[in-house]
Amino acid sequence: MTLILAIDTSLGTSVALIEDGRVRAEHNVPDTMKHAELIGSSIAAVLEKASVHPNQLMAVVAGRGPAPFTGLRVGIAAATMFAAGVGIKLYGAVSLDAIAVAALKSSTAIVNEPLLITADARRKEVYWALYSGLNEHGVPIRVDGPGVMKPAELEEYLVNRNVHPSRTGLPVSAANLGLLLEAQLRAGSAGEDVSALYLRAADAVEPKARIGKAVSG
């Protein structure tokens, strides 16, 4: 039995419990502002729903984004503290890769076409990554990105490279993050890096710090 706790706060607050390729329980709150208030109760809700004690878990995986500062660090910090407290392995994974897992396994995925995954980056921009499919272990093969661009700039970038991908609007989900980690563990490619992917220098600065600097300077 392999039990994995997955946490992603790159958009809303998403927590899931994965066991041997299936989702035992998940809790998703779309609110993009109250991650700190929601993360503890979300983890507790998932464990209670699945009747699982923390000591039964094998690992925790945190979504690394890309995402803005607000929210992303909450999930990573929660995953880090949880893993340390229980004494289990901590892994990190790119949130866009988790979306790709779901999209590429979907019946709507177009064979032999690259797949473009995008997510809202705010400021009229999108985070994006391009995939060519899944490897033999079920891990998405990322061929470009992750990056951040305005939609028009991204379209121009793809056209200039003669890339005409299929697209998906699937949301970020901790359930898919956990399934991604399972695939990476099978492939021997699971990463222990839990550093946040901000992609924009401004996103690596806490919002209050940016405001304070603007007022004082």
Protein backbone atom coordinates (compact mmCIF):
# COMPACT_ATOMS: atom_id res chain seq x y z
CA MET A 1 0.00 0.00 0.00
CA THR A 2 1.38 3.39 -1.05
CA LEU A 3 -0.31 6.40 0.53
CA ILE A 4 0.68 9.85 -0.71
CA LEU A 5 -0.55 13.20 0.59
CA ALA A 6 -0.57 15.79 -2.21
CA ILE A 7 -0.82 19.54 -1.60
CA ASP A 8 -1.11 22.28 -4.21
CA THR A 9 -1.86 25.95 -3.53
CA SER A 10 -0.72 27.43 -6.82
CA LEU A 11 -4.27 28.64 -7.44
CA GLY A 12 -6.84 27.60 -4.85
CA THR A 13 -6.25 25.19 -1.97
CA SER A 14 -6.17 21.58 -3.13
CA VAL A 15 -5.33 18.55 -1.00
CA ALA A 16 -5.66 14.88 -1.93
CA LEU A 17 -4.78 11.42 -0.70
CA ILE A 18 -3.58 8.95 -3.33
CA GLU A 19 -3.31 5.20 -2.84
CA ASP A 20 -1.90 2.92 -5.52
CA GLY A 21 -3.22 4.85 -8.52
CA ARG A 22 -6.56 5.93 -7.11
CA VAL A 23 -7.82 8.99 -5.30
CA ARG A 24 -8.88 8.00 -1.78
CA ALA A 25 -10.02 11.50 -0.84
CA GLU A 26 -9.66 15.08 -2.00
CA HIS A 27 -10.63 18.54 -0.84
CA ASN A 28 -10.61 21.52 -3.19
CA VAL A 29 -11.41 25.15 -2.35
CA PRO A 30 -11.19 27.59 -5.30
CA ASP A 31 -10.61 30.67 -3.11
CA THR A 32 -7.30 32.21 -4.23
CA MET A 33 -6.75 34.40 -1.16
CA LYS A 34 -7.27 32.30 2.00
CA HIS A 35 -4.68 29.55 1.59
CA ALA A 36 -3.20 30.03 5.08
CA GLU A 37 -6.63 29.81 6.70
CA LEU A 38 -7.71 26.77 4.67
CA ILE A 39 -4.66 24.53 4.39
CA GLY A 40 -4.76 22.99 7.87
CA SER A 41 -8.46 22.15 7.80
CA SER A 42 -8.16 20.85 4.23
CA ILE A 43 -5.42 18.38 5.20
CA ALA A 44 -7.42 17.28 8.24
CA ALA A 45 -10.57 16.84 6.14
CA VAL A 46 -8.82 14.58 3.63
CA LEU A 47 -7.25 12.37 6.30
CA GLU A 48 -10.54 12.10 8.18
CA LYS A 49 -12.52 11.29 5.03
CA ALA A 50 -10.14 8.46 4.16
CA SER A 51 -9.78 7.32 7.80
CA VAL A 52 -6.01 7.57 7.48
CA HIS A 53 -3.56 8.42 10.26
CA PRO A 54 -0.54 10.53 9.30
CA ASN A 55 1.79 7.68 10.32
CA GLN A 56 0.30 5.55 7.53
CA LEU A 57 1.53 7.93 4.84
CA MET A 58 4.60 7.15 2.74
CA ALA A 59 5.27 10.60 1.32
CA VAL A 60 4.08 14.16 0.81
CA VAL A 61 4.29 16.00 -2.50
CA ALA A 62 4.01 19.77 -2.87
CA GLY A 63 3.04 21.59 -6.04
CA ARG A 64 5.87 23.97 -7.00
CA GLY A 65 3.85 26.12 -9.35
CA PRO A 66 4.54 28.17 -11.36
CA ALA A 67 2.37 30.63 -9.48
CA PRO A 68 2.52 34.05 -7.81
CA PHE A 69 4.01 34.44 -4.32
CA THR A 70 0.63 34.60 -2.60
CA GLY A 71 -0.57 31.10 -1.90
CA LEU A 72 2.19 29.02 -3.44
CA ARG A 73 4.51 29.27 -0.43
CA VAL A 74 1.65 28.23 1.90
CA GLY A 75 1.29 24.79 0.35
CA ILE A 76 5.04 24.22 0.14
CA ALA A 77 5.51 25.26 3.78
CA ALA A 78 2.62 23.05 4.92
CA ALA A 79 3.97 20.04 3.02
CA THR A 80 7.47 20.64 4.40
CA MET A 81 6.29 20.90 8.01
CA PHE A 82 3.95 17.92 7.68
CA ALA A 83 6.67 15.67 6.23
CA ALA A 84 9.15 16.73 8.92
CA GLY A 85 6.61 16.25 11.70
CA VAL A 86 5.61 12.76 10.59
CA GLY A 87 9.08 11.75 9.44
CA ILE A 88 8.28 10.85 5.84
CA LYS A 89 9.70 11.73 2.42
CA LEU A 90 8.99 15.13 0.88
CA TYR A 91 8.82 15.61 -2.89
CA GLY A 92 8.08 18.53 -5.18
CA ALA A 93 6.53 18.53 -8.64
CA VAL A 94 5.64 21.12 -11.28
CA SER A 95 1.91 21.87 -11.10
CA LEU A 96 1.58 22.16 -14.90
CA ASP A 97 3.00 18.64 -15.22
CA ALA A 98 0.17 17.42 -12.99
CA ILE A 99 -2.42 18.99 -15.31
CA ALA A 100 -0.65 17.32 -18.23
CA VAL A 101 -1.02 13.89 -16.60
CA ALA A 102 -4.79 14.26 -16.52
CA ALA A 103 -5.02 15.77 -19.99
CA LEU A 104 -2.81 13.19 -21.68
CA LYS A 105 -4.71 10.31 -20.08
CA SER A 106 -8.02 11.82 -21.16
CA SER A 107 -9.96 10.38 -24.08
CA THR A 108 -9.98 13.89 -25.57
CA ALA A 109 -6.20 14.01 -25.89
CA ILE A 110 -5.17 14.20 -29.55
CA VAL A 111 -2.59 11.59 -30.50
CA ASN A 112 0.58 12.74 -32.26
CA GLU A 113 -0.02 16.41 -31.46
CA PRO A 114 1.87 18.43 -28.86
CA LEU A 115 -0.22 19.48 -25.88
CA LEU A 116 -0.19 23.03 -24.51
CA ILE A 117 -1.02 23.45 -20.83
CA THR A 118 -1.79 26.95 -19.58
CA ALA A 119 -2.77 28.46 -16.24
CA ASP A 120 -3.74 31.96 -15.18
CA ALA A 121 -0.68 33.99 -14.17
CA ARG A 122 -2.64 37.21 -13.54
CA ARG A 123 -1.44 40.54 -14.96
CA LYS A 124 -2.99 39.45 -18.27
CA GLU A 125 -0.41 36.66 -18.62
CA VAL A 126 -0.45 32.87 -18.61
CA TYR A 127 1.91 30.21 -17.35
CA TRP A 128 2.50 27.58 -20.00
CA ALA A 129 4.33 24.38 -20.86
CA LEU A 130 4.37 22.13 -23.92
CA TYR A 131 4.25 18.31 -23.83
CA SER A 132 4.77 15.58 -26.41
CA GLY A 133 3.04 12.75 -24.55
CA LEU A 134 3.60 10.31 -21.68
CA ASN A 135 6.61 8.05 -21.25
CA GLU A 136 6.28 4.34 -20.51
CA HIS A 137 5.83 5.06 -16.80
CA GLY A 138 3.06 7.61 -17.34
CA VAL A 139 5.21 10.69 -16.73
CA PRO A 140 4.47 13.63 -19.07
CA ILE A 141 7.29 14.52 -21.44
CA ARG A 142 7.77 18.29 -21.21
CA VAL A 143 9.47 19.66 -24.33
CA ASP A 144 9.25 23.40 -23.62
CA GLY A 145 8.54 25.61 -20.63
CA PRO A 146 7.43 26.27 -18.06
CA GLY A 147 7.25 29.92 -19.01
CA VAL A 148 5.11 33.01 -18.56
CA MET A 149 3.86 35.22 -21.39
CA LYS A 150 0.95 37.30 -22.54
CA PRO A 151 -1.43 35.13 -24.61
CA ALA A 152 -0.64 36.98 -27.84
CA GLU A 153 3.10 36.59 -27.24
CA LEU A 154 2.66 32.89 -26.60
CA GLU A 155 0.71 32.46 -29.84
CA GLU A 156 3.46 34.24 -31.76
CA TYR A 157 6.11 32.12 -30.04
CA LEU A 158 4.35 28.91 -31.08
CA VAL A 159 3.66 30.03 -34.65
CA ASN A 160 7.29 31.07 -35.14
CA ARG A 161 8.30 27.54 -34.16
CA ASN A 162 5.61 25.97 -36.35
CA VAL A 163 3.96 24.40 -33.32
CA HIS A 164 0.19 23.94 -33.45
CA PRO A 165 -0.73 22.16 -30.23
CA SER A 166 -3.97 20.86 -28.81
CA ARG A 167 -4.97 22.65 -25.62
CA THR A 168 -6.67 22.00 -22.33
CA GLY A 169 -8.43 24.09 -19.73
CA LEU A 170 -8.18 21.56 -16.91
CA PRO A 171 -7.59 23.07 -13.46
CA VAL A 172 -4.68 22.42 -11.12
CA SER A 173 -5.53 19.60 -8.73
CA ALA A 174 -3.67 17.90 -5.89
CA ALA A 175 -5.17 14.58 -6.99
CA ASN A 176 -3.34 14.78 -10.31
CA LEU A 177 -0.22 15.96 -8.48
CA GLY A 178 -0.28 12.79 -6.38
CA LEU A 179 -0.82 10.60 -9.45
CA LEU A 180 2.10 12.37 -11.11
CA LEU A 181 4.36 11.57 -8.16
CA GLU A 182 3.37 7.90 -8.35
CA ALA A 183 4.39 7.85 -12.02
CA GLN A 184 7.66 9.64 -11.24
CA LEU A 185 8.44 7.16 -8.47
CA ARG A 186 7.92 4.29 -10.91
CA ALA A 187 10.24 6.03 -13.36
CA GLY A 188 12.84 6.88 -10.73
CA SER A 189 12.50 10.56 -11.58
CA ALA A 190 10.73 11.92 -8.48
CA GLY A 191 12.32 15.18 -7.36
CA GLU A 192 13.01 16.35 -3.82
CA ASP A 193 13.29 20.01 -4.87
CA VAL A 194 10.38 21.92 -3.34
CA SER A 195 11.55 25.41 -4.29
CA ALA A 196 8.79 27.60 -5.68
CA LEU A 197 8.65 28.34 -9.40
CA TYR A 198 7.78 32.03 -9.66
CA LEU A 199 9.18 32.74 -13.19
CA ARG A 200 8.75 36.49 -12.60
CA ALA A 201 11.12 38.29 -10.25
CA ALA A 202 8.25 40.31 -8.77
CA ASP A 203 6.38 37.13 -7.83
CA ALA A 204 9.23 36.10 -5.53
CA VAL A 205 8.57 39.14 -3.32
CA GLU A 206 5.86 39.11 -0.70
CA PRO A 207 3.01 41.47 -1.73
CA LYS A 208 3.26 43.52 1.49
CA ALA A 209 6.98 44.02 0.88
CA ARG A 210 6.29 45.31 -2.63
CA ILE A 211 3.66 47.73 -1.30
CA GLY A 212 5.97 48.96 1.47
CA LYS A 213 8.79 49.57 -0.98
CA ALA A 214 6.48 51.50 -3.29
CA VAL A 215 5.26 53.71 -0.46
CA SER A 216 8.73 54.39 0.94
CA GLY A 217 10.47 54.83 -2.37
